[in-house]
Amino acid sequence: MQVSVCYSEPGQQAWLRIEVAEDTTAAVAIEQSGILAMFPSIDLGSQKIGVFGKVVAPDTRLSAGDRVEIYRPITCDPTTVPRRAVVEED
């Protein structure tokens, strides 16, 4: 079955489509994708992973078409970042 593995850093991103066995877990898909070699800064011991925006455990079984995402740590407190002003047109 085909799944995707994606990761993004400032100025660099990767979205890899790979073929995996039917009972593959999220962790195995990440390993098989080669993304860990592309981004040596990834630390799966501390970073969370998800499927389509929902955080999952590394041993979560994947379904065909799933997108496995590796999340970076939050680097700023969202409560202190000012919101952008929305300009409404009449």
Protein backbone atom coordinates (compact mmCIF):
# COMPACT_ATOMS: atom_id res chain seq x y z
CA MET A 1 0.00 0.00 0.00
CA GLN A 2 1.13 3.57 -0.55
CA VAL A 3 1.55 6.11 2.29
CA SER A 4 3.27 9.48 2.62
CA VAL A 5 5.78 10.70 5.19
CA CYS A 6 6.29 14.43 5.59
CA TYR A 7 8.39 16.83 7.63
CA SER A 8 9.14 20.52 7.39
CA GLU A 9 11.81 22.84 8.74
CA PRO A 10 12.20 26.54 7.99
CA GLY A 11 13.35 26.70 4.39
CA GLN A 12 13.24 22.96 3.76
CA GLN A 13 10.49 20.36 3.54
CA ALA A 14 9.96 16.82 2.35
CA TRP A 15 6.85 14.88 1.36
CA LEU A 16 7.79 11.34 0.42
CA ARG A 17 5.41 8.76 -1.04
CA ILE A 18 6.49 5.22 -0.29
CA GLU A 19 5.21 1.68 -0.72
CA VAL A 20 4.88 -0.31 2.53
CA ALA A 21 3.44 -3.63 3.68
CA GLU A 22 -0.22 -3.80 4.74
CA ASP A 23 0.50 -4.02 8.51
CA THR A 24 3.11 -1.24 8.64
CA THR A 25 3.25 1.09 11.64
CA ALA A 26 3.90 4.82 11.56
CA ALA A 27 7.40 4.33 13.02
CA VAL A 28 8.33 1.72 10.40
CA ALA A 29 7.06 3.95 7.58
CA ILE A 30 9.20 6.83 8.86
CA GLU A 31 12.24 4.57 9.01
CA GLN A 32 11.64 3.11 5.54
CA SER A 33 11.10 6.52 3.97
CA GLY A 34 14.70 7.64 4.53
CA ILE A 35 13.53 10.96 5.97
CA LEU A 36 15.65 10.47 9.10
CA ALA A 37 18.80 10.57 6.95
CA MET A 38 17.55 13.69 5.16
CA PHE A 39 16.87 15.52 8.45
CA PRO A 40 19.37 14.38 11.11
CA SER A 41 17.81 16.85 13.56
CA ILE A 42 14.67 14.68 13.86
CA ASP A 43 14.49 13.06 17.30
CA LEU A 44 11.58 10.62 17.40
CA GLY A 45 12.21 10.16 21.11
CA SER A 46 11.02 13.69 21.80
CA GLN A 47 9.05 14.74 18.70
CA LYS A 48 5.44 13.73 18.20
CA ILE A 49 4.09 12.12 15.07
CA GLY A 50 0.63 12.13 13.59
CA VAL A 51 -1.59 10.98 10.76
CA PHE A 52 -3.58 13.67 8.98
CA GLY A 53 -3.13 16.15 11.85
CA LYS A 54 -4.02 13.79 14.69
CA VAL A 55 -1.22 12.77 17.08
CA VAL A 56 -0.70 9.00 17.12
CA ALA A 57 1.58 6.51 18.83
CA PRO A 58 4.54 5.21 16.81
CA ASP A 59 3.02 1.70 16.81
CA THR A 60 -0.20 2.89 15.11
CA ARG A 61 -1.04 0.73 12.08
CA LEU A 62 -1.43 2.67 8.85
CA SER A 63 -4.05 2.47 6.14
CA ALA A 64 -3.54 2.99 2.43
CA GLY A 65 -3.17 6.68 1.60
CA ASP A 66 -2.29 7.81 5.14
CA ARG A 67 0.01 10.81 5.57
CA VAL A 68 2.46 10.38 8.45
CA GLU A 69 3.61 13.72 9.83
CA ILE A 70 6.59 14.43 12.07
CA TYR A 71 5.94 17.48 14.24
CA ARG A 72 8.58 19.99 15.29
CA PRO A 73 8.54 21.36 18.83
CA ILE A 74 6.74 24.66 19.31
CA THR A 75 9.37 27.39 19.48
CA CYS A 76 7.19 30.24 20.71
CA ASP A 77 4.31 30.61 23.09
CA PRO A 78 1.20 31.04 20.94
CA THR A 79 -0.44 33.16 23.65
CA THR A 80 2.29 35.80 23.29
CA VAL A 81 2.31 36.01 19.49
CA PRO A 82 0.10 38.87 18.31
CA ARG A 83 -2.70 37.92 15.97
CA ARG A 84 -2.68 39.40 12.50
CA ALA A 85 -5.34 42.02 12.00
CA VAL A 86 -8.08 40.88 9.65
CA VAL A 87 -9.18 43.59 7.28
CA GLU A 88 -12.81 43.30 6.28
CA GLU A 89 -14.00 44.85 3.06
CA ASP A 90 -17.47 46.33 2.81
